[in-house]
């Protein structure tokens, strides 16, 4: 639950120890759930799996029931505007 983050609405899963073939298997599995994603090379044989913004509602619906409450912030929607102070 701790190896990922959301940046600009894109979920980045840190799968640095996966082989490229394993990354492709995970990518293909997510596609069966209509979760659009792609792999990003970090160099040195390390990869990140990126789940694109338009699939985030699907991801949230699927995984939220299984996430420890302390980690729910990791699935927050960073695209929502912050309310002004005052």
PDB file of N, CA and C in Angstrom:
ATOM      1  N   UNK A   1       0.813  -1.195   0.000  1.00  0.00           N
ATOM      2  CA  UNK A   1       0.000   0.000   0.000  1.00  0.00           C
ATOM      3  C   UNK A   1       0.854   1.256   0.000  1.00  0.00           C
ATOM      4  N   UNK A   2       2.140   1.110   0.171  1.00  0.00           N
ATOM      5  CA  UNK A   2       2.966   2.290   0.343  1.00  0.00           C
ATOM      6  C   UNK A   2       3.876   2.573  -0.853  1.00  0.00           C
ATOM      7  N   UNK A   3       3.803   1.788  -1.907  1.00  0.00           N
ATOM      8  CA  UNK A   3       4.719   1.981  -3.030  1.00  0.00           C
ATOM      9  C   UNK A   3       4.020   2.617  -4.224  1.00  0.00           C
ATOM     10  N   UNK A   4       3.493   3.815  -4.000  1.00  0.00           N
ATOM     11  CA  UNK A   4       2.839   4.521  -5.085  1.00  0.00           C
ATOM     12  C   UNK A   4       2.435   5.915  -4.650  1.00  0.00           C
ATOM     13  N   UNK A   5       2.071   6.717  -5.632  1.00  0.00           N
ATOM     14  CA  UNK A   5       1.652   8.089  -5.366  1.00  0.00           C
ATOM     15  C   UNK A   5       0.856   8.600  -6.558  1.00  0.00           C
ATOM     16  N   UNK A   6       0.083   9.664  -6.315  1.00  0.00           N
ATOM     17  CA  UNK A   6      -0.667  10.304  -7.394  1.00  0.00           C
ATOM     18  C   UNK A   6      -0.010  11.640  -7.686  1.00  0.00           C
ATOM     19  N   UNK A   7       0.269  11.877  -8.953  1.00  0.00           N
ATOM     20  CA  UNK A   7       0.862  13.133  -9.395  1.00  0.00           C
ATOM     21  C   UNK A   7       0.049  13.645 -10.581  1.00  0.00           C
ATOM     22  N   UNK A   8      -0.563  14.802 -10.413  1.00  0.00           N
ATOM     23  CA  UNK A   8      -1.382  15.414 -11.467  1.00  0.00           C
ATOM     24  C   UNK A   8      -2.472  14.468 -11.952  1.00  0.00           C
ATOM     25  N   UNK A   9      -3.080  13.736 -11.019  1.00  0.00           N
ATOM     26  CA  UNK A   9      -4.177  12.847 -11.339  1.00  0.00           C
ATOM     27  C   UNK A   9      -3.773  11.480 -11.865  1.00  0.00           C
ATOM     28  N   UNK A  10      -2.482  11.227 -12.012  1.00  0.00           N
ATOM     29  CA  UNK A  10      -1.985   9.946 -12.524  1.00  0.00           C
ATOM     30  C   UNK A  10      -1.423   9.138 -11.361  1.00  0.00           C
ATOM     31  N   UNK A  11      -1.891   7.901 -11.230  1.00  0.00           N
ATOM     32  CA  UNK A  11      -1.382   7.006 -10.194  1.00  0.00           C
ATOM     33  C   UNK A  11      -0.094   6.366 -10.685  1.00  0.00           C
ATOM     34  N   UNK A  12       0.960   6.535  -9.917  1.00  0.00           N
ATOM     35  CA  UNK A  12       2.256   5.936 -10.239  1.00  0.00           C
ATOM     36  C   UNK A  12       2.526   4.825  -9.238  1.00  0.00           C
ATOM     37  N   UNK A  13       2.622   3.587  -9.736  1.00  0.00           N
ATOM     38  CA  UNK A  13       2.947   2.456  -8.886  1.00  0.00           C
ATOM     39  C   UNK A  13       4.430   2.160  -9.028  1.00  0.00           C
ATOM     40  N   UNK A  14       5.124   2.153  -7.915  1.00  0.00           N
ATOM     41  CA  UNK A  14       6.570   1.935  -7.911  1.00  0.00           C
ATOM     42  C   UNK A  14       6.836   0.427  -7.882  1.00  0.00           C
ATOM     43  N   UNK A  15       7.066  -0.108  -9.042  1.00  0.00           N
ATOM     44  CA  UNK A  15       7.284  -1.550  -9.189  1.00  0.00           C
ATOM     45  C   UNK A  15       8.727  -1.790  -9.634  1.00  0.00           C
ATOM     46  N   UNK A  16       9.635  -1.123  -8.952  1.00  0.00           N
ATOM     47  CA  UNK A  16      11.037  -1.096  -9.352  1.00  0.00           C
ATOM     48  C   UNK A  16      11.690  -2.477  -9.440  1.00  0.00           C
ATOM     49  N   UNK A  17      11.239  -3.429  -8.644  1.00  0.00           N
ATOM     50  CA  UNK A  17      11.874  -4.751  -8.648  1.00  0.00           C
ATOM     51  C   UNK A  17      11.210  -5.740  -9.589  1.00  0.00           C
ATOM     52  N   UNK A  18      10.195  -5.301 -10.329  1.00  0.00           N
ATOM     53  CA  UNK A  18       9.553  -6.168 -11.313  1.00  0.00           C
ATOM     54  C   UNK A  18      10.392  -6.178 -12.580  1.00  0.00           C
ATOM     55  N   UNK A  19      10.416  -7.323 -13.258  1.00  0.00           N
ATOM     56  CA  UNK A  19      11.063  -7.362 -14.568  1.00  0.00           C
ATOM     57  C   UNK A  19      10.146  -6.670 -15.578  1.00  0.00           C
ATOM     58  N   UNK A  20      10.673  -6.374 -16.743  1.00  0.00           N
ATOM     59  CA  UNK A  20       9.843  -5.752 -17.773  1.00  0.00           C
ATOM     60  C   UNK A  20       8.680  -6.669 -18.149  1.00  0.00           C
ATOM     61  N   UNK A  21       8.954  -7.969 -18.233  1.00  0.00           N
ATOM     62  CA  UNK A  21       7.893  -8.923 -18.564  1.00  0.00           C
ATOM     63  C   UNK A  21       6.797  -8.918 -17.502  1.00  0.00           C
ATOM     64  N   UNK A  22       7.177  -8.838 -16.230  1.00  0.00           N
ATOM     65  CA  UNK A  22       6.190  -8.780 -15.149  1.00  0.00           C
ATOM     66  C   UNK A  22       5.383  -7.484 -15.207  1.00  0.00           C
ATOM     67  N   UNK A  23       6.036  -6.394 -15.564  1.00  0.00           N
ATOM     68  CA  UNK A  23       5.340  -5.115 -15.733  1.00  0.00           C
ATOM     69  C   UNK A  23       4.294  -5.229 -16.837  1.00  0.00           C
ATOM     70  N   UNK A  24       4.654  -5.878 -17.924  1.00  0.00           N
ATOM     71  CA  UNK A  24       3.716  -6.058 -19.035  1.00  0.00           C
ATOM     72  C   UNK A  24       2.544  -6.939 -18.631  1.00  0.00           C
ATOM     73  N   UNK A  25       2.802  -7.966 -17.839  1.00  0.00           N
ATOM     74  CA  UNK A  25       1.716  -8.826 -17.355  1.00  0.00           C
ATOM     75  C   UNK A  25       0.752  -8.031 -16.484  1.00  0.00           C
ATOM     76  N   UNK A  26       1.282  -7.220 -15.585  1.00  0.00           N
ATOM     77  CA  UNK A  26       0.440  -6.396 -14.728  1.00  0.00           C
ATOM     78  C   UNK A  26      -0.339  -5.378 -15.552  1.00  0.00           C
ATOM     79  N   UNK A  27       0.331  -4.762 -16.515  1.00  0.00           N
ATOM     80  CA  UNK A  27      -0.332  -3.805 -17.403  1.00  0.00           C
ATOM     81  C   UNK A  27      -1.503  -4.462 -18.125  1.00  0.00           C
ATOM     82  N   UNK A  28      -1.269  -5.654 -18.674  1.00  0.00           N
ATOM     83  CA  UNK A  28      -2.318  -6.366 -19.403  1.00  0.00           C
ATOM     84  C   UNK A  28      -3.461  -6.781 -18.479  1.00  0.00           C
ATOM     85  N   UNK A  29      -3.144  -7.178 -17.262  1.00  0.00           N
ATOM     86  CA  UNK A  29      -4.180  -7.544 -16.304  1.00  0.00           C
ATOM     87  C   UNK A  29      -5.071  -6.349 -15.989  1.00  0.00           C
ATOM     88  N   UNK A  30      -4.468  -5.186 -15.763  1.00  0.00           N
ATOM     89  CA  UNK A  30      -5.256  -3.986 -15.478  1.00  0.00           C
ATOM     90  C   UNK A  30      -6.149  -3.617 -16.656  1.00  0.00           C
ATOM     91  N   UNK A  31      -5.695  -3.857 -17.863  1.00  0.00           N
ATOM     92  CA  UNK A  31      -6.502  -3.567 -19.048  1.00  0.00           C
ATOM     93  C   UNK A  31      -7.772  -4.418 -19.084  1.00  0.00           C
ATOM     94  N   UNK A  32      -7.722  -5.622 -18.500  1.00  0.00           N
ATOM     95  CA  UNK A  32      -8.925  -6.466 -18.469  1.00  0.00           C
ATOM     96  C   UNK A  32     -10.005  -5.851 -17.587  1.00  0.00           C
ATOM     97  N   UNK A  33      -9.618  -4.936 -16.698  1.00  0.00           N
ATOM     98  CA  UNK A  33     -10.563  -4.205 -15.849  1.00  0.00           C
ATOM     99  C   UNK A  33     -10.879  -2.825 -16.436  1.00  0.00           C
ATOM    100  N   UNK A  34     -10.499  -2.610 -17.690  1.00  0.00           N
ATOM    101  CA  UNK A  34     -10.672  -1.317 -18.375  1.00  0.00           C
ATOM    102  C   UNK A  34      -9.934  -0.187 -17.661  1.00  0.00           C
ATOM    103  N   UNK A  35      -8.770  -0.512 -17.113  1.00  0.00           N
ATOM    104  CA  UNK A  35      -7.923   0.484 -16.467  1.00  0.00           C
ATOM    105  C   UNK A  35      -6.789   0.803 -17.422  1.00  0.00           C
ATOM    106  N   UNK A  36      -6.852   1.988 -18.012  1.00  0.00           N
ATOM    107  CA  UNK A  36      -5.823   2.388 -18.971  1.00  0.00           C
ATOM    108  C   UNK A  36      -4.545   2.742 -18.225  1.00  0.00           C
ATOM    109  N   UNK A  37      -3.432   2.204 -18.706  1.00  0.00           N
ATOM    110  CA  UNK A  37      -2.167   2.365 -18.004  1.00  0.00           C
ATOM    111  C   UNK A  37      -1.015   2.168 -18.963  1.00  0.00           C
ATOM    112  N   UNK A  38       0.173   2.442 -18.481  1.00  0.00           N
ATOM    113  CA  UNK A  38       1.378   2.232 -19.269  1.00  0.00           C
ATOM    114  C   UNK A  38       2.579   2.106 -18.361  1.00  0.00           C
ATOM    115  N   UNK A  39       3.657   1.608 -18.910  1.00  0.00           N
ATOM    116  CA  UNK A  39       4.891   1.480 -18.142  1.00  0.00           C
ATOM    117  C   UNK A  39       5.828   2.624 -18.495  1.00  0.00           C
ATOM    118  N   UNK A  40       6.631   2.997 -17.513  1.00  0.00           N
ATOM    119  CA  UNK A  40       7.611   4.058 -17.706  1.00  0.00           C
ATOM    120  C   UNK A  40       8.949   3.543 -17.186  1.00  0.00           C
ATOM    121  N   UNK A  41       9.953   3.565 -18.025  1.00  0.00           N
ATOM    122  CA  UNK A  41      11.279   3.127 -17.617  1.00  0.00           C
ATOM    123  C   UNK A  41      11.942   4.208 -16.778  1.00  0.00           C
ATOM    124  N   UNK A  42      12.562   3.778 -15.699  1.00  0.00           N
ATOM    125  CA  UNK A  42      13.315   4.698 -14.852  1.00  0.00           C
ATOM    126  C   UNK A  42      14.810   4.519 -15.071  1.00  0.00           C
ATOM    127  N   UNK A  43      15.183   3.657 -15.981  1.00  0.00           N
ATOM    128  CA  UNK A  43      16.590   3.352 -16.206  1.00  0.00           C
ATOM    129  C   UNK A  43      17.031   2.232 -15.283  1.00  0.00           C
ATOM    130  N   UNK A  44      18.168   1.647 -15.558  1.00  0.00           N
ATOM    131  CA  UNK A  44      18.725   0.569 -14.740  1.00  0.00           C
ATOM    132  C   UNK A  44      17.757  -0.601 -14.568  1.00  0.00           C
ATOM    133  N   UNK A  45      16.872  -0.826 -15.536  1.00  0.00           N
ATOM    134  CA  UNK A  45      15.947  -1.945 -15.461  1.00  0.00           C
ATOM    135  C   UNK A  45      14.811  -1.759 -14.471  1.00  0.00           C
ATOM    136  N   UNK A  46      14.552  -0.524 -14.044  1.00  0.00           N
ATOM    137  CA  UNK A  46      13.464  -0.247 -13.114  1.00  0.00           C
ATOM    138  C   UNK A  46      12.314   0.424 -13.853  1.00  0.00           C
ATOM    139  N   UNK A  47      11.077   0.106 -13.406  1.00  0.00           N
ATOM    140  CA  UNK A  47       9.892   0.608 -14.087  1.00  0.00           C
ATOM    141  C   UNK A  47       8.865   1.142 -13.105  1.00  0.00           C
ATOM    142  N   UNK A  48       8.023   2.009 -13.617  1.00  0.00           N
ATOM    143  CA  UNK A  48       6.845   2.490 -12.905  1.00  0.00           C
ATOM    144  C   UNK A  48       5.647   2.171 -13.783  1.00  0.00           C
ATOM    145  N   UNK A  49       4.563   1.821 -13.140  1.00  0.00           N
ATOM    146  CA  UNK A  49       3.310   1.618 -13.858  1.00  0.00           C
ATOM    147  C   UNK A  49       2.451   2.843 -13.603  1.00  0.00           C
ATOM    148  N   UNK A  50       1.994   3.464 -14.669  1.00  0.00           N
ATOM    149  CA  UNK A  50       1.196   4.681 -14.559  1.00  0.00           C
ATOM    150  C   UNK A  50      -0.245   4.373 -14.942  1.00  0.00           C
ATOM    151  N   UNK A  51      -1.165   4.670 -14.027  1.00  0.00           N
ATOM    152  CA  UNK A  51      -2.592   4.517 -14.299  1.00  0.00           C
ATOM    153  C   UNK A  51      -3.114   5.904 -14.624  1.00  0.00           C
ATOM    154  N   UNK A  52      -3.676   6.039 -15.813  1.00  0.00           N
ATOM    155  CA  UNK A  52      -4.051   7.350 -16.318  1.00  0.00           C
ATOM    156  C   UNK A  52      -5.297   7.905 -15.632  1.00  0.00           C
ATOM    157  N   UNK A  53      -5.387   9.216 -15.606  1.00  0.00           N
ATOM    158  CA  UNK A  53      -6.424   9.953 -14.895  1.00  0.00           C
ATOM    159  C   UNK A  53      -7.825   9.446 -15.205  1.00  0.00           C
ATOM    160  N   UNK A  54      -8.118   9.173 -16.462  1.00  0.00           N
ATOM    161  CA  UNK A  54      -9.486   8.778 -16.812  1.00  0.00           C
ATOM    162  C   UNK A  54      -9.861   7.414 -16.260  1.00  0.00           C
ATOM    163  N   UNK A  55      -8.906   6.651 -15.750  1.00  0.00           N
ATOM    164  CA  UNK A  55      -9.203   5.350 -15.150  1.00  0.00           C
ATOM    165  C   UNK A  55      -9.204   5.382 -13.624  1.00  0.00           C
ATOM    166  N   UNK A  56      -8.928   6.525 -13.042  1.00  0.00           N
ATOM    167  CA  UNK A  56      -8.793   6.588 -11.586  1.00  0.00           C
ATOM    168  C   UNK A  56     -10.093   6.307 -10.843  1.00  0.00           C
ATOM    169  N   UNK A  57     -11.240   6.713 -11.379  1.00  0.00           N
ATOM    170  CA  UNK A  57     -12.499   6.401 -10.703  1.00  0.00           C
ATOM    171  C   UNK A  57     -12.716   4.890 -10.633  1.00  0.00           C
ATOM    172  N   UNK A  58     -12.342   4.181 -11.682  1.00  0.00           N
ATOM    173  CA  UNK A  58     -12.447   2.727 -11.698  1.00  0.00           C
ATOM    174  C   UNK A  58     -11.521   2.115 -10.654  1.00  0.00           C
ATOM    175  N   UNK A  59     -10.292   2.603 -10.593  1.00  0.00           N
ATOM    176  CA  UNK A  59      -9.322   2.097  -9.618  1.00  0.00           C
ATOM    177  C   UNK A  59      -9.838   2.330  -8.199  1.00  0.00           C
ATOM    178  N   UNK A  60     -10.303   3.539  -7.934  1.00  0.00           N
ATOM    179  CA  UNK A  60     -10.809   3.850  -6.593  1.00  0.00           C
ATOM    180  C   UNK A  60     -11.954   2.916  -6.205  1.00  0.00           C
ATOM    181  N   UNK A  61     -12.886   2.701  -7.122  1.00  0.00           N
ATOM    182  CA  UNK A  61     -14.036   1.844  -6.833  1.00  0.00           C
ATOM    183  C   UNK A  61     -13.599   0.406  -6.538  1.00  0.00           C
ATOM    184  N   UNK A  62     -12.588  -0.071  -7.225  1.00  0.00           N
ATOM    185  CA  UNK A  62     -12.125  -1.446  -7.043  1.00  0.00           C
ATOM    186  C   UNK A  62     -11.305  -1.649  -5.772  1.00  0.00           C
ATOM    187  N   UNK A  63     -10.443  -0.699  -5.430  1.00  0.00           N
ATOM    188  CA  UNK A  63      -9.487  -0.957  -4.352  1.00  0.00           C
ATOM    189  C   UNK A  63      -9.812  -0.315  -3.008  1.00  0.00           C
ATOM    190  N   UNK A  64     -10.647   0.704  -2.986  1.00  0.00           N
ATOM    191  CA  UNK A  64     -10.923   1.401  -1.721  1.00  0.00           C
ATOM    192  C   UNK A  64     -11.360   0.457  -0.595  1.00  0.00           C
ATOM    193  N   UNK A  65     -12.217  -0.531  -0.848  1.00  0.00           N
ATOM    194  CA  UNK A  65     -12.617  -1.408   0.261  1.00  0.00           C
ATOM    195  C   UNK A  65     -11.462  -2.205   0.878  1.00  0.00           C
ATOM    196  N   UNK A  66     -10.333  -2.296   0.189  1.00  0.00           N
ATOM    197  CA  UNK A  66      -9.213  -3.103   0.656  1.00  0.00           C
ATOM    198  C   UNK A  66      -8.044  -2.279   1.190  1.00  0.00           C
ATOM    199  N   UNK A  67      -8.174  -0.982   1.177  1.00  0.00           N
ATOM    200  CA  UNK A  67      -7.087  -0.100   1.605  1.00  0.00           C
ATOM    201  C   UNK A  67      -7.240   0.223   3.091  1.00  0.00           C
ATOM    202  N   UNK A  68      -6.154   0.113   3.817  1.00  0.00           N
ATOM    203  CA  UNK A  68      -6.160   0.496   5.234  1.00  0.00           C
ATOM    204  C   UNK A  68      -6.510   1.974   5.325  1.00  0.00           C
ATOM    205  N   UNK A  69      -7.359   2.346   6.278  1.00  0.00           N
ATOM    206  CA  UNK A  69      -7.787   3.753   6.387  1.00  0.00           C
ATOM    207  C   UNK A  69      -6.645   4.767   6.430  1.00  0.00           C
ATOM    208  N   UNK A  70      -5.508   4.400   6.990  1.00  0.00           N
ATOM    209  CA  UNK A  70      -4.378   5.330   7.046  1.00  0.00           C
ATOM    210  C   UNK A  70      -3.819   5.666   5.666  1.00  0.00           C
ATOM    211  N   UNK A  71      -4.108   4.829   4.676  1.00  0.00           N
ATOM    212  CA  UNK A  71      -3.561   5.037   3.340  1.00  0.00           C
ATOM    213  C   UNK A  71      -4.588   5.555   2.340  1.00  0.00           C
ATOM    214  N   UNK A  72      -5.807   5.808   2.765  1.00  0.00           N
ATOM    215  CA  UNK A  72      -6.832   6.288   1.833  1.00  0.00           C
ATOM    216  C   UNK A  72      -6.459   7.619   1.183  1.00  0.00           C
ATOM    217  N   UNK A  73      -5.662   8.426   1.871  1.00  0.00           N
ATOM    218  CA  UNK A  73      -5.245   9.706   1.292  1.00  0.00           C
ATOM    219  C   UNK A  73      -4.492   9.507  -0.015  1.00  0.00           C
ATOM    220  N   UNK A  74      -3.874   8.340  -0.193  1.00  0.00           N
ATOM    221  CA  UNK A  74      -3.117   8.078  -1.416  1.00  0.00           C
ATOM    222  C   UNK A  74      -4.022   7.976  -2.638  1.00  0.00           C
ATOM    223  N   UNK A  75      -5.314   7.765  -2.419  1.00  0.00           N
ATOM    224  CA  UNK A  75      -6.261   7.671  -3.528  1.00  0.00           C
ATOM    225  C   UNK A  75      -7.061   8.948  -3.691  1.00  0.00           C
ATOM    226  N   UNK A  76      -6.692   9.995  -2.953  1.00  0.00           N
ATOM    227  CA  UNK A  76      -7.462  11.235  -3.028  1.00  0.00           C
ATOM    228  C   UNK A  76      -7.355  11.842  -4.420  1.00  0.00           C
ATOM    229  N   UNK A  77      -8.374  12.576  -4.769  1.00  0.00           N
ATOM    230  CA  UNK A  77      -8.442  13.193  -6.092  1.00  0.00           C
ATOM    231  C   UNK A  77      -7.772  14.555  -6.037  1.00  0.00           C
ATOM    232  N   UNK A  78      -6.539  14.631  -6.510  1.00  0.00           N
ATOM    233  CA  UNK A  78      -5.781  15.890  -6.478  1.00  0.00           C
ATOM    234  C   UNK A  78      -6.277  16.894  -7.492  1.00  0.00           C
ATOM    235  N   UNK A  79      -7.200  16.484  -8.359  1.00  0.00           N
ATOM    236  CA  UNK A  79      -7.698  17.385  -9.391  1.00  0.00           C
ATOM    237  C   UNK A  79      -8.745  18.349  -8.855  1.00  0.00           C
ATOM    238  N   UNK A  80      -9.324  18.056  -7.684  1.00  0.00           N
ATOM    239  CA  UNK A  80     -10.356  18.910  -7.145  1.00  0.00           C
ATOM    240  C   UNK A  80      -9.741  20.229  -6.671  1.00  0.00           C
ATOM    241  N   UNK A  81     -10.348  21.352  -7.003  1.00  0.00           N
ATOM    242  CA  UNK A  81      -9.782  22.630  -6.561  1.00  0.00           C
ATOM    243  C   UNK A  81      -9.914  22.799  -5.063  1.00  0.00           C
ATOM    244  N   UNK A  82      -8.922  23.435  -4.461  1.00  0.00           N
ATOM    245  CA  UNK A  82      -8.956  23.722  -3.044  1.00  0.00           C
ATOM    246  C   UNK A  82      -9.856  24.930  -2.798  1.00  0.00           C
ATOM    247  N   UNK A  83     -10.561  24.904  -1.692  1.00  0.00           N
ATOM    248  CA  UNK A  83     -11.428  26.032  -1.366  1.00  0.00           C
ATOM    249  C   UNK A  83     -10.566  27.191  -0.877  1.00  0.00           C
ATOM    250  N   UNK A  84     -10.895  28.415  -1.285  1.00  0.00           N
ATOM    251  CA  UNK A  84     -10.100  29.558  -0.853  1.00  0.00           C
ATOM    252  C   UNK A  84     -10.264  29.827   0.635  1.00  0.00           C
ATOM    253  N   UNK A  85      -9.189  30.304   1.235  1.00  0.00           N
ATOM    254  CA  UNK A  85      -9.249  30.666   2.662  1.00  0.00           C
ATOM    255  C   UNK A  85      -9.917  32.013   2.801  1.00  0.00           C
ATOM    256  N   UNK A  86     -10.586  32.187   3.931  1.00  0.00           N
ATOM    257  CA  UNK A  86     -11.132  33.508   4.146  1.00  0.00           C
ATOM    258  C   UNK A  86     -12.393  33.574   4.803  1.00  0.00           C
TER     259      UNK A  86
END
